[in-house]
């Protein structure tokens, strides 16, 4: 299992008062059953994940959370459905956990995905 480091795409500082931050993990493949490097962000009130690229046969990305950094659980969308992205798309995450990461759980040798997460804090004025 390879751990794919995240890259900071946008720190939210491009617009004054922008409370969002964007991270990306790429490439995530099935060959190594890749896991994204976890992020710690308990102050994020909203989170969404997008997966794009070649999913391959049976390709799938889950979004996992952990409060202890050891035991990981699949998080859910707003309809309480466990997150499993199987085609290019975007999903919101409802649970707030201490750590969050994407993980490849299916695919073949052609699977190569970019996962992007957008995280927003509440504005305090």
N, C-alpha and C. Protein backbone atom coordinates (compact mmCIF):
# COMPACT_ATOMS: atom_id res chain seq x y z
N UNK A 1 0.84 -1.18 0.00
CA UNK A 1 0.00 0.00 0.00
C UNK A 1 0.88 1.23 0.00
N UNK A 2 0.74 2.04 -1.03
CA UNK A 2 1.49 3.30 -1.11
C UNK A 2 0.66 4.42 -0.50
N UNK A 3 1.33 5.29 0.23
CA UNK A 3 0.67 6.48 0.78
C UNK A 3 1.01 7.64 -0.15
N UNK A 4 -0.01 8.21 -0.76
CA UNK A 4 0.16 9.30 -1.72
C UNK A 4 0.09 10.63 -0.96
N UNK A 5 1.16 11.42 -1.01
CA UNK A 5 1.14 12.70 -0.28
C UNK A 5 0.16 13.68 -0.92
N UNK A 6 -0.41 14.52 -0.08
CA UNK A 6 -1.31 15.55 -0.60
C UNK A 6 -0.50 16.76 -1.05
N UNK A 7 -1.08 17.51 -1.98
CA UNK A 7 -0.51 18.77 -2.44
C UNK A 7 -1.50 19.87 -2.12
N UNK A 8 -1.01 20.98 -1.65
CA UNK A 8 -1.87 22.14 -1.41
C UNK A 8 -2.12 22.81 -2.76
N UNK A 9 -3.37 22.87 -3.18
CA UNK A 9 -3.75 23.46 -4.46
C UNK A 9 -4.09 24.94 -4.28
N UNK A 10 -4.83 25.25 -3.21
CA UNK A 10 -5.26 26.62 -2.95
C UNK A 10 -5.40 26.80 -1.44
N UNK A 11 -4.68 27.76 -0.91
CA UNK A 11 -4.68 27.99 0.53
C UNK A 11 -5.85 28.85 0.98
N UNK A 12 -6.69 29.29 0.05
CA UNK A 12 -7.81 30.13 0.42
C UNK A 12 -7.42 31.58 0.60
N UNK A 13 -6.19 31.90 0.29
CA UNK A 13 -5.71 33.26 0.49
C UNK A 13 -5.75 34.08 -0.79
N UNK A 14 -6.27 33.49 -1.89
CA UNK A 14 -6.31 34.23 -3.14
C UNK A 14 -7.41 35.28 -3.15
N UNK A 15 -8.41 35.09 -2.31
CA UNK A 15 -9.50 36.06 -2.17
C UNK A 15 -9.58 36.42 -0.70
N UNK A 16 -9.59 37.70 -0.39
CA UNK A 16 -9.66 38.15 1.00
C UNK A 16 -10.90 37.57 1.67
N UNK A 17 -10.71 36.93 2.78
CA UNK A 17 -11.81 36.35 3.53
C UNK A 17 -12.29 35.00 3.05
N UNK A 18 -11.60 34.41 2.06
CA UNK A 18 -11.99 33.10 1.54
C UNK A 18 -11.70 32.04 2.60
N UNK A 19 -12.73 31.35 3.09
CA UNK A 19 -12.51 30.38 4.16
C UNK A 19 -12.25 28.95 3.67
N UNK A 20 -11.91 28.78 2.38
CA UNK A 20 -11.71 27.42 1.85
C UNK A 20 -10.23 27.11 1.63
N UNK A 21 -9.94 25.81 1.65
CA UNK A 21 -8.60 25.32 1.32
C UNK A 21 -8.80 24.08 0.45
N UNK A 22 -7.92 23.89 -0.54
CA UNK A 22 -8.06 22.78 -1.49
C UNK A 22 -6.78 21.95 -1.47
N UNK A 23 -6.94 20.61 -1.38
CA UNK A 23 -5.83 19.67 -1.44
C UNK A 23 -6.09 18.66 -2.54
N UNK A 24 -5.01 18.06 -3.06
CA UNK A 24 -5.13 17.06 -4.11
C UNK A 24 -4.17 15.91 -3.84
N UNK A 25 -4.60 14.70 -4.22
CA UNK A 25 -3.76 13.49 -4.14
C UNK A 25 -3.70 12.90 -5.54
N UNK A 26 -2.48 12.67 -6.07
CA UNK A 26 -2.38 12.16 -7.42
C UNK A 26 -0.97 11.63 -7.70
N UNK A 27 -0.84 10.58 -8.49
CA UNK A 27 -1.91 9.69 -8.94
C UNK A 27 -2.20 8.64 -7.87
N UNK A 28 -3.45 8.27 -7.77
CA UNK A 28 -3.84 7.18 -6.88
C UNK A 28 -4.16 5.99 -7.77
N UNK A 29 -3.52 4.84 -7.49
CA UNK A 29 -3.65 3.67 -8.34
C UNK A 29 -4.07 2.45 -7.55
N UNK A 30 -4.56 1.43 -8.26
CA UNK A 30 -4.90 0.17 -7.62
C UNK A 30 -3.67 -0.71 -7.45
N UNK A 31 -2.65 -0.48 -8.27
CA UNK A 31 -1.45 -1.32 -8.21
C UNK A 31 -0.88 -1.35 -6.80
N UNK A 32 -0.85 -0.21 -6.15
CA UNK A 32 -0.36 -0.16 -4.78
C UNK A 32 -1.47 -0.08 -3.75
N UNK A 33 -2.74 -0.24 -4.19
CA UNK A 33 -3.89 -0.05 -3.30
C UNK A 33 -3.67 1.24 -2.50
N UNK A 34 -3.49 2.33 -3.23
CA UNK A 34 -3.05 3.59 -2.64
C UNK A 34 -4.03 4.18 -1.63
N UNK A 35 -3.43 4.81 -0.64
CA UNK A 35 -4.14 5.55 0.38
C UNK A 35 -3.60 6.97 0.36
N UNK A 36 -4.49 7.95 0.47
CA UNK A 36 -4.04 9.33 0.53
C UNK A 36 -3.48 9.65 1.90
N UNK A 37 -2.43 10.47 1.92
CA UNK A 37 -1.88 10.94 3.19
C UNK A 37 -3.01 11.64 3.95
N UNK A 38 -3.23 11.28 5.21
CA UNK A 38 -4.33 11.89 5.95
C UNK A 38 -4.11 13.38 6.22
N UNK A 39 -5.23 14.08 6.28
CA UNK A 39 -5.23 15.48 6.68
C UNK A 39 -5.87 15.59 8.04
N UNK A 40 -5.41 16.50 8.83
CA UNK A 40 -6.04 16.80 10.12
C UNK A 40 -6.70 18.16 10.00
N UNK A 41 -8.00 18.19 10.25
CA UNK A 41 -8.71 19.45 10.10
C UNK A 41 -10.04 19.45 10.82
N UNK A 42 -9.98 19.42 12.12
CA UNK A 42 -11.22 19.37 12.89
C UNK A 42 -12.02 20.67 12.79
N UNK A 43 -11.41 21.75 12.33
CA UNK A 43 -12.12 23.02 12.23
C UNK A 43 -12.91 23.18 10.95
N UNK A 44 -12.88 22.18 10.06
CA UNK A 44 -13.60 22.28 8.80
C UNK A 44 -15.07 21.97 9.01
N UNK A 45 -15.93 22.89 8.62
CA UNK A 45 -17.37 22.66 8.77
C UNK A 45 -17.96 21.96 7.55
N UNK A 46 -17.35 22.12 6.39
CA UNK A 46 -17.83 21.49 5.16
C UNK A 46 -16.66 20.85 4.43
N UNK A 47 -16.92 19.66 3.85
CA UNK A 47 -15.90 18.94 3.12
C UNK A 47 -16.52 18.28 1.89
N UNK A 48 -15.81 18.34 0.77
CA UNK A 48 -16.26 17.60 -0.41
C UNK A 48 -15.03 16.98 -1.09
N UNK A 49 -15.28 15.86 -1.77
CA UNK A 49 -14.22 15.17 -2.50
C UNK A 49 -14.67 14.93 -3.93
N UNK A 50 -13.72 15.07 -4.85
CA UNK A 50 -13.96 14.81 -6.26
C UNK A 50 -12.89 13.85 -6.75
N UNK A 51 -13.29 12.88 -7.56
CA UNK A 51 -12.34 11.93 -8.16
C UNK A 51 -12.50 11.99 -9.66
N UNK A 52 -11.37 12.08 -10.37
CA UNK A 52 -11.36 12.12 -11.83
C UNK A 52 -10.19 11.28 -12.34
N UNK A 53 -10.33 10.79 -13.55
CA UNK A 53 -9.25 10.03 -14.18
C UNK A 53 -9.75 8.71 -14.71
N UNK A 54 -8.85 7.74 -14.77
CA UNK A 54 -9.18 6.41 -15.28
C UNK A 54 -9.48 5.51 -14.09
N UNK A 55 -10.73 5.05 -14.00
CA UNK A 55 -11.12 4.19 -12.89
C UNK A 55 -10.75 2.74 -13.14
N UNK A 56 -10.65 2.33 -14.42
CA UNK A 56 -10.35 0.94 -14.73
C UNK A 56 -11.52 0.05 -14.37
N UNK A 57 -11.33 -1.25 -14.50
CA UNK A 57 -12.39 -2.22 -14.17
C UNK A 57 -12.61 -2.26 -12.67
N UNK A 58 -13.80 -1.90 -12.23
CA UNK A 58 -14.14 -1.95 -10.81
C UNK A 58 -13.48 -0.88 -9.97
N UNK A 59 -12.98 0.19 -10.60
CA UNK A 59 -12.29 1.25 -9.85
C UNK A 59 -13.21 1.97 -8.89
N UNK A 60 -12.71 2.26 -7.70
CA UNK A 60 -13.51 2.92 -6.67
C UNK A 60 -12.62 3.64 -5.67
N UNK A 61 -13.10 4.81 -5.24
CA UNK A 61 -12.44 5.59 -4.20
C UNK A 61 -13.40 5.72 -3.03
N UNK A 62 -12.93 5.50 -1.82
CA UNK A 62 -13.72 5.80 -0.64
C UNK A 62 -13.08 6.98 0.08
N UNK A 63 -13.84 7.59 0.96
CA UNK A 63 -13.32 8.64 1.83
C UNK A 63 -13.45 8.11 3.25
N UNK A 64 -12.32 8.10 3.97
CA UNK A 64 -12.29 7.53 5.31
C UNK A 64 -11.96 8.58 6.36
N UNK A 65 -12.45 8.34 7.55
CA UNK A 65 -12.15 9.21 8.67
C UNK A 65 -11.68 8.42 9.86
N UNK A 66 -10.94 9.09 10.74
CA UNK A 66 -10.44 8.47 11.96
C UNK A 66 -10.29 9.54 13.03
N UNK A 67 -10.58 9.18 14.25
CA UNK A 67 -10.33 10.09 15.37
C UNK A 67 -9.05 9.76 16.10
N UNK A 68 -8.49 8.55 15.86
CA UNK A 68 -7.25 8.18 16.54
C UNK A 68 -6.07 8.02 15.59
N UNK A 69 -6.30 8.13 14.27
CA UNK A 69 -5.23 8.00 13.29
C UNK A 69 -4.79 6.57 13.05
N UNK A 70 -5.47 5.61 13.65
CA UNK A 70 -5.12 4.19 13.51
C UNK A 70 -6.27 3.41 12.88
N UNK A 71 -7.45 3.59 13.41
CA UNK A 71 -8.64 2.88 12.95
C UNK A 71 -9.43 3.79 12.02
N UNK A 72 -9.62 3.32 10.77
CA UNK A 72 -10.26 4.13 9.73
C UNK A 72 -11.61 3.56 9.37
N UNK A 73 -12.58 4.46 9.10
CA UNK A 73 -13.94 4.06 8.76
C UNK A 73 -14.43 4.86 7.57
N UNK A 74 -15.20 4.21 6.70
CA UNK A 74 -15.74 4.89 5.53
C UNK A 74 -16.76 5.94 6.00
N UNK A 75 -16.62 7.15 5.47
CA UNK A 75 -17.53 8.23 5.81
C UNK A 75 -18.74 8.21 4.88
N UNK A 76 -19.73 9.05 5.18
CA UNK A 76 -21.01 9.01 4.48
C UNK A 76 -21.34 10.34 3.81
N UNK A 77 -22.20 10.25 2.79
CA UNK A 77 -22.70 11.46 2.14
C UNK A 77 -23.91 11.97 2.93
N UNK A 78 -24.51 13.09 2.52
CA UNK A 78 -25.64 13.64 3.28
C UNK A 78 -26.87 12.74 3.37
N UNK A 79 -26.92 11.67 2.58
CA UNK A 79 -28.04 10.74 2.62
C UNK A 79 -27.71 9.48 3.42
N UNK A 80 -26.61 9.54 4.19
CA UNK A 80 -26.14 8.43 5.03
C UNK A 80 -25.66 7.23 4.23
N UNK A 81 -25.31 7.46 2.96
CA UNK A 81 -24.78 6.39 2.11
C UNK A 81 -23.26 6.40 2.22
N UNK A 82 -22.62 5.24 2.48
CA UNK A 82 -21.16 5.20 2.51
C UNK A 82 -20.58 5.71 1.20
N UNK A 83 -19.56 6.55 1.28
CA UNK A 83 -18.99 7.16 0.09
C UNK A 83 -18.17 6.14 -0.69
N UNK A 84 -18.54 5.99 -1.97
CA UNK A 84 -17.83 5.14 -2.90
C UNK A 84 -17.96 5.79 -4.27
N UNK A 85 -16.90 6.43 -4.74
CA UNK A 85 -16.92 7.11 -6.02
C UNK A 85 -16.41 6.13 -7.07
N UNK A 86 -17.28 5.77 -8.02
CA UNK A 86 -16.93 4.75 -9.01
C UNK A 86 -16.84 5.31 -10.44
N UNK A 87 -17.26 6.55 -10.63
CA UNK A 87 -17.10 7.28 -11.89
C UNK A 87 -16.76 8.71 -11.50
N UNK A 88 -16.21 9.47 -12.43
CA UNK A 88 -15.86 10.84 -12.11
C UNK A 88 -17.01 11.55 -11.44
N UNK A 89 -16.74 12.18 -10.33
CA UNK A 89 -17.82 12.84 -9.63
C UNK A 89 -17.37 13.52 -8.35
N UNK A 90 -18.35 14.08 -7.67
CA UNK A 90 -18.14 14.91 -6.49
C UNK A 90 -19.12 14.49 -5.42
N UNK A 91 -18.67 14.46 -4.17
CA UNK A 91 -19.56 14.11 -3.06
C UNK A 91 -19.22 14.93 -1.83
N UNK A 92 -20.23 15.20 -1.05
CA UNK A 92 -20.06 15.91 0.22
C UNK A 92 -19.88 14.87 1.33
N UNK A 93 -19.14 15.23 2.37
CA UNK A 93 -18.89 14.36 3.51
C UNK A 93 -19.62 14.94 4.72
N UNK A 94 -20.37 14.10 5.45
CA UNK A 94 -21.13 14.63 6.58
C UNK A 94 -20.40 14.54 7.92
N UNK A 95 -19.71 13.44 8.19
CA UNK A 95 -19.08 13.29 9.51
C UNK A 95 -17.88 14.22 9.66
N UNK A 96 -17.68 14.68 10.87
CA UNK A 96 -16.48 15.44 11.19
C UNK A 96 -15.58 14.51 11.99
N UNK A 97 -14.39 14.28 11.46
CA UNK A 97 -13.42 13.41 12.14
C UNK A 97 -12.10 14.16 12.27
N UNK A 98 -11.27 13.69 13.18
CA UNK A 98 -9.98 14.34 13.39
C UNK A 98 -9.10 14.25 12.15
N UNK A 99 -9.13 13.09 11.47
CA UNK A 99 -8.34 12.87 10.26
C UNK A 99 -9.26 12.43 9.13
N UNK A 100 -8.88 12.75 7.90
CA UNK A 100 -9.66 12.36 6.73
C UNK A 100 -8.70 12.04 5.59
N UNK A 101 -9.06 11.03 4.75
CA UNK A 101 -8.20 10.64 3.63
C UNK A 101 -9.03 9.90 2.57
N UNK A 102 -8.58 9.96 1.31
CA UNK A 102 -9.18 9.10 0.29
C UNK A 102 -8.40 7.78 0.22
N UNK A 103 -9.08 6.73 -0.29
CA UNK A 103 -8.41 5.44 -0.44
C UNK A 103 -8.96 4.71 -1.66
N UNK A 104 -8.07 4.11 -2.46
CA UNK A 104 -8.47 3.28 -3.59
C UNK A 104 -8.88 1.92 -3.03
N UNK A 105 -10.09 1.47 -3.39
CA UNK A 105 -10.55 0.17 -2.90
C UNK A 105 -10.90 -0.80 -4.03
N UNK A 106 -10.74 -0.37 -5.27
CA UNK A 106 -11.01 -1.25 -6.40
C UNK A 106 -10.37 -0.70 -7.65
N UNK A 107 -10.24 -1.55 -8.63
CA UNK A 107 -9.67 -1.13 -9.90
C UNK A 107 -8.75 -2.18 -10.46
N UNK A 108 -8.03 -1.78 -11.51
CA UNK A 108 -7.09 -2.70 -12.14
C UNK A 108 -5.80 -1.94 -12.46
N UNK A 109 -4.97 -2.52 -13.29
CA UNK A 109 -3.67 -1.92 -13.59
C UNK A 109 -3.79 -0.57 -14.30
N UNK A 110 -4.96 -0.26 -14.88
CA UNK A 110 -5.13 1.01 -15.58
C UNK A 110 -5.65 2.13 -14.67
N UNK A 111 -6.03 1.78 -13.45
CA UNK A 111 -6.60 2.78 -12.53
C UNK A 111 -5.57 3.84 -12.19
N UNK A 112 -5.92 5.08 -12.46
CA UNK A 112 -5.05 6.22 -12.15
C UNK A 112 -5.95 7.44 -11.94
N UNK A 113 -6.07 7.86 -10.69
CA UNK A 113 -7.04 8.88 -10.32
C UNK A 113 -6.40 10.07 -9.63
N UNK A 114 -7.03 11.20 -9.80
CA UNK A 114 -6.70 12.39 -9.03
C UNK A 114 -7.89 12.68 -8.13
N UNK A 115 -7.63 12.79 -6.84
CA UNK A 115 -8.68 13.10 -5.88
C UNK A 115 -8.41 14.49 -5.33
N UNK A 116 -9.45 15.32 -5.35
CA UNK A 116 -9.34 16.69 -4.86
C UNK A 116 -10.34 16.90 -3.74
N UNK A 117 -9.88 17.46 -2.65
CA UNK A 117 -10.76 17.76 -1.52
C UNK A 117 -10.83 19.26 -1.27
N UNK A 118 -12.03 19.75 -1.05
CA UNK A 118 -12.24 21.16 -0.71
C UNK A 118 -12.80 21.19 0.71
N UNK A 119 -12.19 22.04 1.53
CA UNK A 119 -12.55 22.12 2.94
C UNK A 119 -12.83 23.57 3.30
N UNK A 120 -13.92 23.80 4.03
CA UNK A 120 -14.32 25.17 4.37
C UNK A 120 -14.49 25.30 5.87
N UNK A 121 -13.99 26.38 6.39
CA UNK A 121 -14.22 26.71 7.79
C UNK A 121 -15.35 27.74 7.85
N UNK A 122 -15.99 27.82 8.97
CA UNK A 122 -17.02 28.85 9.13
C UNK A 122 -16.36 30.18 9.36
N UNK A 123 -16.91 31.18 8.73
CA UNK A 123 -16.41 32.55 8.94
C UNK A 123 -16.85 33.07 10.28
N UNK A 124 -15.94 33.63 10.99
CA UNK A 124 -16.26 34.28 12.25
C UNK A 124 -16.04 35.76 12.05
N UNK A 125 -17.10 36.53 12.15
CA UNK A 125 -16.97 37.97 11.89
C UNK A 125 -17.17 38.77 13.16
